[in-house]
Amino acid sequence: MKKFIYLLLALFLPLALFSQQNRRDKIESLRVAIYTQKIGLTPEESKVFWPVYDQYNRELQSLNQQQRNTLLKLKADLDQMSNADVEKLVDQEIAYRTQEATLAAKYHEKFKKVLPIQKVAKLYMAEVAFKKELLKRIKGSRE
């Protein structure tokens, strides 16, 4: 019986991981398409912009993971935690928000070095457009 379960896991786990990676690839392709179109990136600008943006995105994802972990601890154990432990986690949430703002300011300066200021403004509008499109697609797939 155990061998059967292991066999099923061996067969279906790669499919699940492939599906998840495929979904991430589709989302990333959508991001690149929307940003490139909304910002109006030239091929030369793309060469210098995307490495900077990808680094920003990696750092932001790391911060977001830290925040999720903090919020999961609060959600799971809030009623059993001491006030001191709750205060520590809530303070971590505020520290996360501060780090997020610092990261945005740091990369704002980097974006200004690789793009004209009008395109930096369009970047911020493209971020909003991308999030709206992603939410629209998610909502559409549920219906």
N, C-alpha and C. Protein backbone atom coordinates (compact mmCIF):
# COMPACT_ATOMS: atom_id res chain seq x y z
N MET A 1 0.82 -1.20 0.00
CA MET A 1 0.00 0.00 0.00
C MET A 1 0.87 1.27 0.00
N LYS A 2 1.92 1.26 0.83
CA LYS A 2 2.80 2.41 0.89
C LYS A 2 3.47 2.66 -0.47
N LYS A 3 3.86 1.56 -1.13
CA LYS A 3 4.50 1.70 -2.43
C LYS A 3 3.55 2.36 -3.42
N PHE A 4 2.27 2.00 -3.33
CA PHE A 4 1.26 2.59 -4.22
C PHE A 4 1.14 4.10 -3.98
N ILE A 5 1.12 4.49 -2.73
CA ILE A 5 1.02 5.91 -2.38
C ILE A 5 2.26 6.66 -2.86
N TYR A 6 3.44 6.07 -2.64
CA TYR A 6 4.67 6.70 -3.12
C TYR A 6 4.68 6.83 -4.64
N LEU A 7 4.15 5.79 -5.31
CA LEU A 7 4.09 5.83 -6.76
C LEU A 7 3.17 6.96 -7.22
N LEU A 8 2.02 7.10 -6.57
CA LEU A 8 1.10 8.19 -6.92
C LEU A 8 1.75 9.55 -6.70
N LEU A 9 2.43 9.70 -5.56
CA LEU A 9 3.12 10.96 -5.29
C LEU A 9 4.19 11.23 -6.34
N ALA A 10 4.93 10.20 -6.69
CA ALA A 10 5.99 10.37 -7.69
C ALA A 10 5.42 10.77 -9.04
N LEU A 11 4.22 10.30 -9.35
CA LEU A 11 3.61 10.63 -10.63
C LEU A 11 2.98 12.02 -10.64
N PHE A 12 2.28 12.37 -9.57
CA PHE A 12 1.49 13.60 -9.59
C PHE A 12 2.21 14.83 -9.04
N LEU A 13 3.19 14.66 -8.19
CA LEU A 13 3.90 15.81 -7.65
C LEU A 13 4.59 16.62 -8.75
N PRO A 14 5.31 15.98 -9.69
CA PRO A 14 5.91 16.78 -10.77
C PRO A 14 4.86 17.51 -11.61
N LEU A 15 3.70 16.90 -11.81
CA LEU A 15 2.64 17.57 -12.57
C LEU A 15 2.14 18.80 -11.84
N ALA A 16 1.97 18.69 -10.54
CA ALA A 16 1.50 19.84 -9.75
C ALA A 16 2.54 20.95 -9.76
N LEU A 17 3.81 20.58 -9.62
CA LEU A 17 4.87 21.59 -9.63
C LEU A 17 4.99 22.24 -11.00
N PHE A 18 4.84 21.44 -12.08
CA PHE A 18 4.88 21.99 -13.42
C PHE A 18 3.73 22.96 -13.63
N SER A 19 2.54 22.58 -13.15
CA SER A 19 1.37 23.45 -13.30
C SER A 19 1.59 24.77 -12.58
N GLN A 20 2.14 24.71 -11.39
CA GLN A 20 2.39 25.93 -10.62
C GLN A 20 3.43 26.79 -11.33
N GLN A 21 4.50 26.17 -11.84
CA GLN A 21 5.54 26.93 -12.55
C GLN A 21 4.97 27.53 -13.83
N ASN A 22 4.12 26.76 -14.51
CA ASN A 22 3.49 27.25 -15.73
C ASN A 22 2.63 28.47 -15.43
N ARG A 23 1.91 28.45 -14.32
CA ARG A 23 1.09 29.59 -13.91
C ARG A 23 1.96 30.80 -13.63
N ARG A 24 3.07 30.59 -12.93
CA ARG A 24 3.98 31.70 -12.64
C ARG A 24 4.56 32.29 -13.92
N ASP A 25 4.90 31.40 -14.87
CA ASP A 25 5.45 31.87 -16.14
C ASP A 25 4.42 32.72 -16.90
N LYS A 26 3.15 32.30 -16.86
CA LYS A 26 2.10 33.06 -17.54
C LYS A 26 1.92 34.43 -16.89
N ILE A 27 1.96 34.46 -15.57
CA ILE A 27 1.81 35.73 -14.86
C ILE A 27 2.99 36.65 -15.19
N GLU A 28 4.19 36.09 -15.20
CA GLU A 28 5.36 36.91 -15.51
C GLU A 28 5.31 37.42 -16.94
N SER A 29 4.85 36.59 -17.86
CA SER A 29 4.71 37.03 -19.26
C SER A 29 3.70 38.17 -19.37
N LEU A 30 2.61 38.05 -18.62
CA LEU A 30 1.60 39.11 -18.61
C LEU A 30 2.20 40.40 -18.06
N ARG A 31 2.97 40.29 -16.98
CA ARG A 31 3.62 41.47 -16.38
C ARG A 31 4.53 42.15 -17.40
N VAL A 32 5.38 41.38 -18.05
CA VAL A 32 6.32 41.94 -19.02
C VAL A 32 5.57 42.62 -20.16
N ALA A 33 4.52 41.97 -20.65
CA ALA A 33 3.76 42.55 -21.77
C ALA A 33 3.10 43.86 -21.36
N ILE A 34 2.43 43.87 -20.22
CA ILE A 34 1.73 45.09 -19.77
C ILE A 34 2.73 46.20 -19.48
N TYR A 35 3.80 45.90 -18.76
CA TYR A 35 4.77 46.93 -18.42
C TYR A 35 5.41 47.51 -19.68
N THR A 36 5.83 46.61 -20.58
CA THR A 36 6.50 47.07 -21.80
C THR A 36 5.57 47.97 -22.60
N GLN A 37 4.31 47.56 -22.72
CA GLN A 37 3.34 48.33 -23.50
C GLN A 37 2.99 49.65 -22.81
N LYS A 38 2.70 49.59 -21.52
CA LYS A 38 2.27 50.80 -20.80
C LYS A 38 3.40 51.81 -20.64
N ILE A 39 4.61 51.31 -20.41
CA ILE A 39 5.75 52.22 -20.22
C ILE A 39 6.27 52.70 -21.57
N GLY A 40 6.14 51.86 -22.58
CA GLY A 40 6.68 52.20 -23.89
C GLY A 40 8.19 51.99 -23.94
N LEU A 41 8.64 50.89 -23.37
CA LEU A 41 10.08 50.62 -23.32
C LEU A 41 10.65 50.33 -24.71
N THR A 42 11.76 50.94 -24.99
CA THR A 42 12.50 50.61 -26.21
C THR A 42 13.34 49.36 -25.90
N PRO A 43 13.85 48.69 -26.93
CA PRO A 43 14.71 47.52 -26.68
C PRO A 43 15.93 47.87 -25.81
N GLU A 44 16.51 49.04 -26.03
CA GLU A 44 17.67 49.45 -25.24
C GLU A 44 17.27 49.68 -23.77
N GLU A 45 16.13 50.33 -23.57
CA GLU A 45 15.66 50.57 -22.20
C GLU A 45 15.32 49.25 -21.51
N SER A 46 14.73 48.32 -22.24
CA SER A 46 14.38 47.01 -21.68
C SER A 46 15.62 46.30 -21.14
N LYS A 47 16.72 46.39 -21.87
CA LYS A 47 17.96 45.72 -21.47
C LYS A 47 18.47 46.20 -20.12
N VAL A 48 18.28 47.47 -19.82
CA VAL A 48 18.77 47.99 -18.54
C VAL A 48 17.69 48.01 -17.46
N PHE A 49 16.42 48.14 -17.89
CA PHE A 49 15.33 48.23 -16.92
C PHE A 49 15.03 46.88 -16.26
N TRP A 50 14.88 45.82 -17.05
CA TRP A 50 14.40 44.55 -16.49
C TRP A 50 15.33 43.95 -15.44
N PRO A 51 16.63 44.00 -15.59
CA PRO A 51 17.47 43.48 -14.50
C PRO A 51 17.27 44.25 -13.19
N VAL A 52 17.12 45.56 -13.27
CA VAL A 52 16.89 46.37 -12.06
C VAL A 52 15.52 46.02 -11.47
N TYR A 53 14.51 45.93 -12.32
CA TYR A 53 13.16 45.62 -11.83
C TYR A 53 13.10 44.22 -11.24
N ASP A 54 13.77 43.26 -11.89
CA ASP A 54 13.76 41.88 -11.37
C ASP A 54 14.41 41.81 -9.99
N GLN A 55 15.48 42.56 -9.78
CA GLN A 55 16.12 42.59 -8.46
C GLN A 55 15.18 43.21 -7.43
N TYR A 56 14.52 44.29 -7.80
CA TYR A 56 13.53 44.92 -6.93
C TYR A 56 12.44 43.91 -6.56
N ASN A 57 11.95 43.20 -7.57
CA ASN A 57 10.87 42.24 -7.35
C ASN A 57 11.31 41.11 -6.41
N ARG A 58 12.54 40.63 -6.56
CA ARG A 58 13.05 39.58 -5.66
C ARG A 58 13.13 40.08 -4.23
N GLU A 59 13.63 41.29 -4.04
CA GLU A 59 13.73 41.84 -2.69
C GLU A 59 12.34 42.06 -2.09
N LEU A 60 11.41 42.52 -2.91
CA LEU A 60 10.04 42.74 -2.44
C LEU A 60 9.38 41.42 -2.06
N GLN A 61 9.57 40.39 -2.87
CA GLN A 61 9.01 39.08 -2.56
C GLN A 61 9.55 38.54 -1.24
N SER A 62 10.82 38.76 -0.99
CA SER A 62 11.42 38.33 0.27
C SER A 62 10.76 39.03 1.46
N LEU A 63 10.57 40.32 1.32
CA LEU A 63 9.87 41.07 2.39
C LEU A 63 8.44 40.57 2.56
N ASN A 64 7.76 40.34 1.45
CA ASN A 64 6.38 39.86 1.52
C ASN A 64 6.29 38.51 2.22
N GLN A 65 7.26 37.64 1.98
CA GLN A 65 7.27 36.33 2.64
C GLN A 65 7.44 36.49 4.14
N GLN A 66 8.31 37.40 4.54
CA GLN A 66 8.49 37.67 5.97
C GLN A 66 7.19 38.16 6.59
N GLN A 67 6.50 39.06 5.88
CA GLN A 67 5.24 39.58 6.40
C GLN A 67 4.20 38.47 6.51
N ARG A 68 4.10 37.61 5.49
CA ARG A 68 3.14 36.50 5.54
C ARG A 68 3.41 35.61 6.73
N ASN A 69 4.68 35.31 6.99
CA ASN A 69 5.03 34.47 8.13
C ASN A 69 4.60 35.12 9.45
N THR A 70 4.82 36.41 9.56
CA THR A 70 4.41 37.12 10.78
C THR A 70 2.90 37.08 10.94
N LEU A 71 2.17 37.35 9.88
CA LEU A 71 0.71 37.36 9.96
C LEU A 71 0.14 35.97 10.22
N LEU A 72 0.79 34.94 9.69
CA LEU A 72 0.34 33.57 9.95
C LEU A 72 0.52 33.20 11.42
N LYS A 73 1.64 33.64 12.01
CA LYS A 73 1.85 33.40 13.45
C LYS A 73 0.77 34.09 14.26
N LEU A 74 0.47 35.34 13.91
CA LEU A 74 -0.58 36.07 14.63
C LEU A 74 -1.93 35.38 14.49
N LYS A 75 -2.26 35.00 13.29
CA LYS A 75 -3.56 34.37 13.02
C LYS A 75 -3.70 33.04 13.77
N ALA A 76 -2.64 32.25 13.77
CA ALA A 76 -2.70 30.92 14.36
C ALA A 76 -2.72 30.95 15.89
N ASP A 77 -1.95 31.85 16.48
CA ASP A 77 -1.72 31.78 17.93
C ASP A 77 -2.12 33.02 18.71
N LEU A 78 -2.80 33.95 18.11
CA LEU A 78 -3.06 35.23 18.76
C LEU A 78 -3.69 35.09 20.14
N ASP A 79 -4.70 34.26 20.26
CA ASP A 79 -5.40 34.15 21.54
C ASP A 79 -4.57 33.46 22.62
N GLN A 80 -3.56 32.71 22.23
CA GLN A 80 -2.73 32.01 23.21
C GLN A 80 -1.42 32.75 23.51
N MET A 81 -1.16 33.83 22.80
CA MET A 81 0.11 34.54 22.95
C MET A 81 0.05 35.56 24.09
N SER A 82 1.21 35.79 24.67
CA SER A 82 1.31 36.84 25.68
C SER A 82 1.26 38.19 24.98
N ASN A 83 0.95 39.21 25.75
CA ASN A 83 0.93 40.56 25.19
C ASN A 83 2.29 40.95 24.62
N ALA A 84 3.36 40.53 25.30
CA ALA A 84 4.70 40.86 24.83
C ALA A 84 4.98 40.20 23.48
N ASP A 85 4.55 38.95 23.29
CA ASP A 85 4.75 38.26 22.01
C ASP A 85 3.93 38.90 20.91
N VAL A 86 2.70 39.27 21.24
CA VAL A 86 1.84 39.93 20.24
C VAL A 86 2.46 41.27 19.85
N GLU A 87 2.93 42.01 20.84
CA GLU A 87 3.54 43.31 20.56
C GLU A 87 4.76 43.16 19.65
N LYS A 88 5.56 42.13 19.90
CA LYS A 88 6.74 41.87 19.08
C LYS A 88 6.32 41.62 17.63
N LEU A 89 5.30 40.81 17.39
CA LEU A 89 4.86 40.51 16.03
C LEU A 89 4.23 41.73 15.36
N VAL A 90 3.47 42.51 16.12
CA VAL A 90 2.86 43.72 15.56
C VAL A 90 3.95 44.73 15.21
N ASP A 91 4.97 44.83 16.06
CA ASP A 91 6.10 45.72 15.76
C ASP A 91 6.82 45.25 14.50
N GLN A 92 6.91 43.93 14.30
CA GLN A 92 7.52 43.40 13.08
C GLN A 92 6.72 43.81 11.84
N GLU A 93 5.41 43.87 11.98
CA GLU A 93 4.56 44.30 10.86
C GLU A 93 4.86 45.75 10.49
N ILE A 94 5.02 46.61 11.49
CA ILE A 94 5.35 48.01 11.22
C ILE A 94 6.75 48.10 10.62
N ALA A 95 7.68 47.29 11.11
CA ALA A 95 9.03 47.28 10.55
C ALA A 95 8.98 46.83 9.08
N TYR A 96 8.15 45.86 8.78
CA TYR A 96 7.98 45.41 7.39
C TYR A 96 7.52 46.58 6.52
N ARG A 97 6.52 47.30 6.97
CA ARG A 97 6.00 48.43 6.17
C ARG A 97 7.07 49.49 5.95
N THR A 98 7.88 49.72 6.98
CA THR A 98 8.98 50.68 6.85
C THR A 98 10.01 50.19 5.83
N GLN A 99 10.35 48.90 5.91
CA GLN A 99 11.31 48.32 4.97
C GLN A 99 10.77 48.37 3.54
N GLU A 100 9.48 48.14 3.39
CA GLU A 100 8.87 48.19 2.07
C GLU A 100 8.98 49.61 1.48
N ALA A 101 8.72 50.61 2.30
CA ALA A 101 8.82 51.99 1.84
C ALA A 101 10.27 52.35 1.51
N THR A 102 11.21 51.89 2.32
CA THR A 102 12.63 52.13 2.07
C THR A 102 13.07 51.47 0.77
N LEU A 103 12.59 50.25 0.54
CA LEU A 103 12.92 49.53 -0.69
C LEU A 103 12.35 50.26 -1.91
N ALA A 104 11.12 50.74 -1.80
CA ALA A 104 10.51 51.48 -2.91
C ALA A 104 11.31 52.75 -3.22
N ALA A 105 11.73 53.46 -2.19
CA ALA A 105 12.50 54.68 -2.39
C ALA A 105 13.86 54.37 -3.02
N LYS A 106 14.51 53.31 -2.56
CA LYS A 106 15.80 52.90 -3.10
C LYS A 106 15.68 52.59 -4.60
N TYR A 107 14.66 51.83 -4.97
CA TYR A 107 14.52 51.45 -6.37
C TYR A 107 13.94 52.58 -7.22
N HIS A 108 13.23 53.49 -6.61
CA HIS A 108 12.77 54.66 -7.35
C HIS A 108 14.00 55.41 -7.90
N GLU A 109 15.01 55.56 -7.07
CA GLU A 109 16.24 56.23 -7.51
C GLU A 109 16.94 55.43 -8.61
N LYS A 110 16.94 54.11 -8.48
CA LYS A 110 17.57 53.27 -9.51
C LYS A 110 16.79 53.34 -10.82
N PHE A 111 15.46 53.34 -10.72
CA PHE A 111 14.64 53.44 -11.94
C PHE A 111 14.89 54.76 -12.66
N LYS A 112 15.06 55.84 -11.89
CA LYS A 112 15.33 57.15 -12.50
C LYS A 112 16.67 57.18 -13.22
N LYS A 113 17.59 56.31 -12.83
CA LYS A 113 18.89 56.26 -13.48
C LYS A 113 18.84 55.50 -14.81
N VAL A 114 17.85 54.61 -14.97
CA VAL A 114 17.81 53.80 -16.19
C VAL A 114 16.67 54.19 -17.13
N LEU A 115 15.73 55.01 -16.65
CA LEU A 115 14.59 55.43 -17.47
C LEU A 115 14.37 56.93 -17.32
N PRO A 116 13.82 57.57 -18.37
CA PRO A 116 13.39 58.97 -18.21
C PRO A 116 12.28 59.04 -17.16
N ILE A 117 12.16 60.18 -16.51
CA ILE A 117 11.21 60.33 -15.41
C ILE A 117 9.77 60.07 -15.85
N GLN A 118 9.43 60.41 -17.10
CA GLN A 118 8.07 60.15 -17.59
C GLN A 118 7.80 58.64 -17.61
N LYS A 119 8.81 57.87 -17.95
CA LYS A 119 8.64 56.42 -18.00
C LYS A 119 8.64 55.80 -16.60
N VAL A 120 9.30 56.43 -15.66
CA VAL A 120 9.23 55.98 -14.27
C VAL A 120 7.79 56.17 -13.77
N ALA A 121 7.19 57.31 -14.11
CA ALA A 121 5.79 57.55 -13.74
C ALA A 121 4.89 56.51 -14.39
N LYS A 122 5.17 56.20 -15.66
CA LYS A 122 4.37 55.19 -16.36
C LYS A 122 4.56 53.80 -15.74
N LEU A 123 5.74 53.55 -15.18
CA LEU A 123 5.99 52.28 -14.48
C LEU A 123 5.00 52.11 -13.34
N TYR A 124 4.81 53.16 -12.55
CA TYR A 124 3.91 53.07 -11.41
C TYR A 124 2.46 52.87 -11.88
N MET A 125 2.11 53.49 -12.97
CA MET A 125 0.77 53.28 -13.53
C MET A 125 0.64 51.87 -14.10
N ALA A 126 1.73 51.35 -14.68
CA ALA A 126 1.71 49.99 -15.22
C ALA A 126 1.56 48.96 -14.11
N GLU A 127 2.16 49.23 -12.94
CA GLU A 127 1.99 48.32 -11.81
C GLU A 127 0.53 48.20 -11.41
N VAL A 128 -0.16 49.32 -11.38
CA VAL A 128 -1.58 49.32 -11.04
C VAL A 128 -2.39 48.60 -12.12
N ALA A 129 -2.09 48.88 -13.39
CA ALA A 129 -2.79 48.23 -14.50
C ALA A 129 -2.58 46.71 -14.47
N PHE A 130 -1.37 46.28 -14.16
CA PHE A 130 -1.08 44.85 -14.08
C PHE A 130 -1.89 44.19 -12.97
N LYS A 131 -1.92 44.81 -11.80
CA LYS A 131 -2.67 44.24 -10.68
C LYS A 131 -4.16 44.15 -11.01
N LYS A 132 -4.70 45.18 -11.66
CA LYS A 132 -6.11 45.16 -12.05
C LYS A 132 -6.38 44.04 -13.05
N GLU A 133 -5.51 43.89 -14.02
CA GLU A 133 -5.68 42.85 -15.03
C GLU A 133 -5.58 41.46 -14.41
N LEU A 134 -4.64 41.29 -13.51
CA LEU A 134 -4.49 40.01 -12.84
C LEU A 134 -5.72 39.66 -12.01
N LEU A 135 -6.23 40.63 -11.27
CA LEU A 135 -7.45 40.40 -10.48
C LEU A 135 -8.64 40.10 -11.38
N LYS A 136 -8.73 40.79 -12.50
CA LYS A 136 -9.81 40.55 -13.45
C LYS A 136 -9.74 39.12 -13.98
N ARG A 137 -8.56 38.67 -14.31
CA ARG A 137 -8.40 37.31 -14.83
C ARG A 137 -8.69 36.26 -13.77
N ILE A 138 -8.27 36.53 -12.56
CA ILE A 138 -8.54 35.60 -11.46
C ILE A 138 -10.05 35.50 -11.23
N LYS A 139 -10.69 36.65 -11.18
CA LYS A 139 -12.14 36.67 -11.00
C LYS A 139 -12.85 35.98 -12.15
N GLY A 140 -12.39 36.19 -13.39
CA GLY A 140 -12.99 35.55 -14.55
C GLY A 140 -12.82 34.04 -14.56
N SER A 141 -11.70 33.57 -14.03
CA SER A 141 -11.47 32.12 -14.02
C SER A 141 -12.30 31.41 -12.97
N ARG A 142 -12.75 32.13 -11.96
CA ARG A 142 -13.59 31.54 -10.92
C ARG A 142 -15.05 31.44 -11.34
N GLU A 143 -15.41 32.25 -12.31
CA GLU A 143 -16.82 32.26 -12.73
C GLU A 143 -17.10 31.23 -13.79
